Amino acid sequence: MSIDSILVQIDAEIARLKQVRSLLANTGEVAVKLTERKTKKAPAKVKKAKKTRVLSPEARKRIADAQRKRWAAQKAKS
């Protein structure tokens, strides 16, 4: 892509954005229409809150012991 074609595309985008800004500044109805149109195409997904997983102290101890065992085995190899 040449620099001239990039500049032409940037100028076109700036002109489009200026037009949209002037429409939004004049009336608030355009913003509502744009959001309604957007939601009709793809409804917004509702994110579920992630539950935090809680380990019991015994489980933590088992995991820690297993990790220490893996480290010892790795250290013994070298």
N, C-alpha and C. Protein backbone atom coordinates (compact mmCIF):
# COMPACT_ATOMS: atom_id res chain seq x y z
N MET A 1 0.84 -1.17 0.00
CA MET A 1 0.00 0.00 0.00
C MET A 1 0.89 1.24 0.00
N SER A 2 0.59 2.16 -0.87
CA SER A 2 1.41 3.36 -0.94
C SER A 2 0.96 4.38 0.10
N ILE A 3 1.83 5.30 0.39
CA ILE A 3 1.54 6.33 1.39
C ILE A 3 0.36 7.19 0.95
N ASP A 4 0.27 7.47 -0.34
CA ASP A 4 -0.85 8.29 -0.84
C ASP A 4 -2.20 7.63 -0.58
N SER A 5 -2.28 6.33 -0.82
CA SER A 5 -3.56 5.65 -0.61
C SER A 5 -3.90 5.58 0.88
N ILE A 6 -2.87 5.45 1.73
CA ILE A 6 -3.11 5.45 3.17
C ILE A 6 -3.63 6.81 3.62
N LEU A 7 -3.03 7.87 3.10
CA LEU A 7 -3.47 9.22 3.46
C LEU A 7 -4.90 9.49 2.99
N VAL A 8 -5.26 8.98 1.82
CA VAL A 8 -6.62 9.14 1.31
C VAL A 8 -7.61 8.42 2.22
N GLN A 9 -7.27 7.22 2.67
CA GLN A 9 -8.15 6.47 3.56
C GLN A 9 -8.29 7.16 4.91
N ILE A 10 -7.18 7.70 5.41
CA ILE A 10 -7.24 8.41 6.69
C ILE A 10 -8.11 9.65 6.58
N ASP A 11 -7.97 10.41 5.49
CA ASP A 11 -8.79 11.60 5.28
C ASP A 11 -10.27 11.24 5.19
N ALA A 12 -10.58 10.14 4.51
CA ALA A 12 -11.97 9.71 4.40
C ALA A 12 -12.53 9.33 5.76
N GLU A 13 -11.72 8.65 6.56
CA GLU A 13 -12.16 8.25 7.90
C GLU A 13 -12.37 9.48 8.79
N ILE A 14 -11.48 10.45 8.69
CA ILE A 14 -11.63 11.68 9.48
C ILE A 14 -12.91 12.40 9.08
N ALA A 15 -13.19 12.47 7.79
CA ALA A 15 -14.41 13.13 7.33
C ALA A 15 -15.64 12.41 7.85
N ARG A 16 -15.61 11.09 7.83
CA ARG A 16 -16.74 10.30 8.33
C ARG A 16 -16.93 10.52 9.82
N LEU A 17 -15.85 10.53 10.57
CA LEU A 17 -15.93 10.74 12.02
C LEU A 17 -16.43 12.14 12.36
N LYS A 18 -16.01 13.13 11.59
CA LYS A 18 -16.50 14.49 11.83
C LYS A 18 -18.00 14.57 11.59
N GLN A 19 -18.47 13.89 10.56
CA GLN A 19 -19.90 13.88 10.26
C GLN A 19 -20.67 13.21 11.40
N VAL A 20 -20.19 12.10 11.87
CA VAL A 20 -20.85 11.39 12.97
C VAL A 20 -20.85 12.24 14.22
N ARG A 21 -19.74 12.92 14.50
CA ARG A 21 -19.66 13.77 15.69
C ARG A 21 -20.66 14.91 15.61
N SER A 22 -20.78 15.51 14.45
CA SER A 22 -21.74 16.62 14.32
C SER A 22 -23.17 16.13 14.50
N LEU A 23 -23.47 14.93 14.00
CA LEU A 23 -24.80 14.38 14.20
C LEU A 23 -25.07 14.10 15.67
N LEU A 24 -24.09 13.57 16.36
CA LEU A 24 -24.26 13.26 17.78
C LEU A 24 -24.35 14.54 18.62
N ALA A 25 -23.63 15.56 18.23
CA ALA A 25 -23.64 16.80 18.99
C ALA A 25 -24.98 17.52 18.83
N ASN A 26 -25.63 17.37 17.68
CA ASN A 26 -26.88 18.07 17.43
C ASN A 26 -28.07 17.41 18.09
N THR A 27 -28.14 16.10 18.05
CA THR A 27 -29.28 15.40 18.65
C THR A 27 -28.78 14.18 19.41
N GLY A 28 -29.50 13.83 20.46
CA GLY A 28 -29.17 12.63 21.21
C GLY A 28 -29.85 11.41 20.64
N GLU A 29 -30.76 11.61 19.69
CA GLU A 29 -31.52 10.50 19.12
C GLU A 29 -30.64 9.58 18.30
N VAL A 30 -29.62 10.12 17.67
CA VAL A 30 -28.76 9.31 16.81
C VAL A 30 -28.04 8.27 17.65
N ALA A 31 -27.58 8.66 18.84
CA ALA A 31 -26.86 7.72 19.70
C ALA A 31 -27.76 6.56 20.09
N VAL A 32 -29.02 6.84 20.37
CA VAL A 32 -29.96 5.78 20.73
C VAL A 32 -30.18 4.86 19.55
N LYS A 33 -30.35 5.44 18.38
CA LYS A 33 -30.59 4.62 17.19
C LYS A 33 -29.39 3.74 16.88
N LEU A 34 -28.18 4.28 17.04
CA LEU A 34 -27.00 3.48 16.76
C LEU A 34 -26.87 2.32 17.74
N THR A 35 -27.17 2.55 19.01
CA THR A 35 -27.04 1.47 19.98
C THR A 35 -28.14 0.44 19.78
N GLU A 36 -29.34 0.87 19.42
CA GLU A 36 -30.42 -0.09 19.16
C GLU A 36 -30.07 -0.96 17.97
N ARG A 37 -29.53 -0.34 16.98
CA ARG A 37 -29.16 -1.07 15.77
C ARG A 37 -28.07 -2.09 16.09
N LYS A 38 -27.14 -1.70 16.91
CA LYS A 38 -26.04 -2.58 17.26
C LYS A 38 -26.54 -3.78 18.06
N THR A 39 -27.46 -3.55 18.98
CA THR A 39 -27.94 -4.64 19.82
C THR A 39 -28.83 -5.60 19.03
N LYS A 40 -29.47 -5.13 17.98
CA LYS A 40 -30.30 -6.04 17.20
C LYS A 40 -29.45 -7.06 16.47
N LYS A 41 -28.26 -6.65 16.05
CA LYS A 41 -27.39 -7.57 15.32
C LYS A 41 -26.82 -8.63 16.25
N ALA A 42 -26.32 -8.21 17.40
CA ALA A 42 -25.70 -9.16 18.33
C ALA A 42 -26.08 -8.75 19.75
N PRO A 43 -26.94 -9.51 20.38
CA PRO A 43 -27.33 -9.15 21.74
C PRO A 43 -26.13 -9.23 22.68
N ALA A 44 -26.09 -8.31 23.62
CA ALA A 44 -24.97 -8.25 24.55
C ALA A 44 -24.98 -9.49 25.44
N LYS A 45 -23.82 -10.05 25.63
CA LYS A 45 -23.69 -11.24 26.47
C LYS A 45 -23.55 -10.80 27.91
N VAL A 46 -24.22 -11.50 28.78
CA VAL A 46 -24.13 -11.21 30.19
C VAL A 46 -23.03 -12.07 30.77
N LYS A 47 -22.05 -11.41 31.39
CA LYS A 47 -20.95 -12.14 31.98
C LYS A 47 -21.33 -12.61 33.37
N LYS A 48 -21.07 -13.86 33.63
CA LYS A 48 -21.34 -14.41 34.94
C LYS A 48 -20.13 -14.17 35.83
N ALA A 49 -20.39 -13.87 37.08
CA ALA A 49 -19.30 -13.67 38.01
C ALA A 49 -18.62 -15.01 38.29
N LYS A 50 -17.30 -15.02 38.23
CA LYS A 50 -16.57 -16.24 38.48
C LYS A 50 -16.52 -16.49 39.99
N LYS A 51 -16.79 -17.71 40.35
CA LYS A 51 -16.68 -18.07 41.75
C LYS A 51 -15.22 -18.39 42.04
N THR A 52 -14.75 -17.90 43.17
CA THR A 52 -13.38 -18.21 43.53
C THR A 52 -13.33 -19.61 44.14
N ARG A 53 -12.33 -20.34 43.77
CA ARG A 53 -12.19 -21.70 44.26
C ARG A 53 -11.36 -21.68 45.54
N VAL A 54 -11.86 -22.32 46.55
CA VAL A 54 -11.19 -22.34 47.84
C VAL A 54 -10.70 -23.75 48.12
N LEU A 55 -9.41 -23.87 48.44
CA LEU A 55 -8.83 -25.16 48.77
C LEU A 55 -8.79 -25.32 50.28
N SER A 56 -9.01 -26.53 50.70
CA SER A 56 -8.89 -26.80 52.14
C SER A 56 -7.41 -26.82 52.51
N PRO A 57 -7.11 -26.61 53.77
CA PRO A 57 -5.70 -26.66 54.20
C PRO A 57 -5.05 -28.01 53.90
N GLU A 58 -5.82 -29.10 54.01
CA GLU A 58 -5.27 -30.42 53.71
C GLU A 58 -4.90 -30.53 52.23
N ALA A 59 -5.75 -29.99 51.38
CA ALA A 59 -5.46 -30.04 49.94
C ALA A 59 -4.23 -29.22 49.61
N ARG A 60 -4.10 -28.05 50.24
CA ARG A 60 -2.91 -27.22 50.01
C ARG A 60 -1.65 -27.96 50.44
N LYS A 61 -1.73 -28.65 51.57
CA LYS A 61 -0.57 -29.38 52.07
C LYS A 61 -0.20 -30.51 51.11
N ARG A 62 -1.20 -31.23 50.57
CA ARG A 62 -0.92 -32.30 49.62
C ARG A 62 -0.25 -31.75 48.36
N ILE A 63 -0.76 -30.63 47.87
CA ILE A 63 -0.18 -30.02 46.66
C ILE A 63 1.24 -29.57 46.93
N ALA A 64 1.47 -28.93 48.08
CA ALA A 64 2.81 -28.45 48.42
C ALA A 64 3.78 -29.62 48.57
N ASP A 65 3.34 -30.69 49.22
CA ASP A 65 4.21 -31.86 49.38
C ASP A 65 4.55 -32.48 48.03
N ALA A 66 3.57 -32.58 47.16
CA ALA A 66 3.80 -33.14 45.82
C ALA A 66 4.78 -32.27 45.04
N GLN A 67 4.65 -30.94 45.16
CA GLN A 67 5.56 -30.05 44.44
C GLN A 67 6.97 -30.17 45.00
N ARG A 68 7.11 -30.26 46.31
CA ARG A 68 8.44 -30.45 46.91
C ARG A 68 9.07 -31.76 46.43
N LYS A 69 8.24 -32.79 46.30
CA LYS A 69 8.73 -34.08 45.81
C LYS A 69 9.22 -33.96 44.36
N ARG A 70 8.48 -33.20 43.53
CA ARG A 70 8.90 -32.99 42.14
C ARG A 70 10.21 -32.20 42.09
N TRP A 71 10.35 -31.17 42.94
CA TRP A 71 11.58 -30.40 42.97
C TRP A 71 12.76 -31.26 43.40
N ALA A 72 12.53 -32.12 44.40
CA ALA A 72 13.60 -33.00 44.86
C ALA A 72 14.02 -33.95 43.75
N ALA A 73 13.07 -34.49 43.03
CA ALA A 73 13.39 -35.40 41.93
C ALA A 73 14.17 -34.68 40.85
N GLN A 74 13.80 -33.44 40.54
CA GLN A 74 14.48 -32.65 39.53
C GLN A 74 15.91 -32.33 39.98
N LYS A 75 16.04 -32.00 41.26
CA LYS A 75 17.35 -31.68 41.80
C LYS A 75 18.26 -32.91 41.80
N ALA A 76 17.69 -34.09 42.07
CA ALA A 76 18.46 -35.33 42.11
C ALA A 76 18.97 -35.68 40.71
N LYS A 77 18.23 -35.32 39.67
CA LYS A 77 18.68 -35.62 38.30
C LYS A 77 19.91 -34.82 37.94
N SER A 78 20.01 -33.57 38.42
CA SER A 78 21.13 -32.72 38.03
C SER A 78 22.33 -32.87 38.91
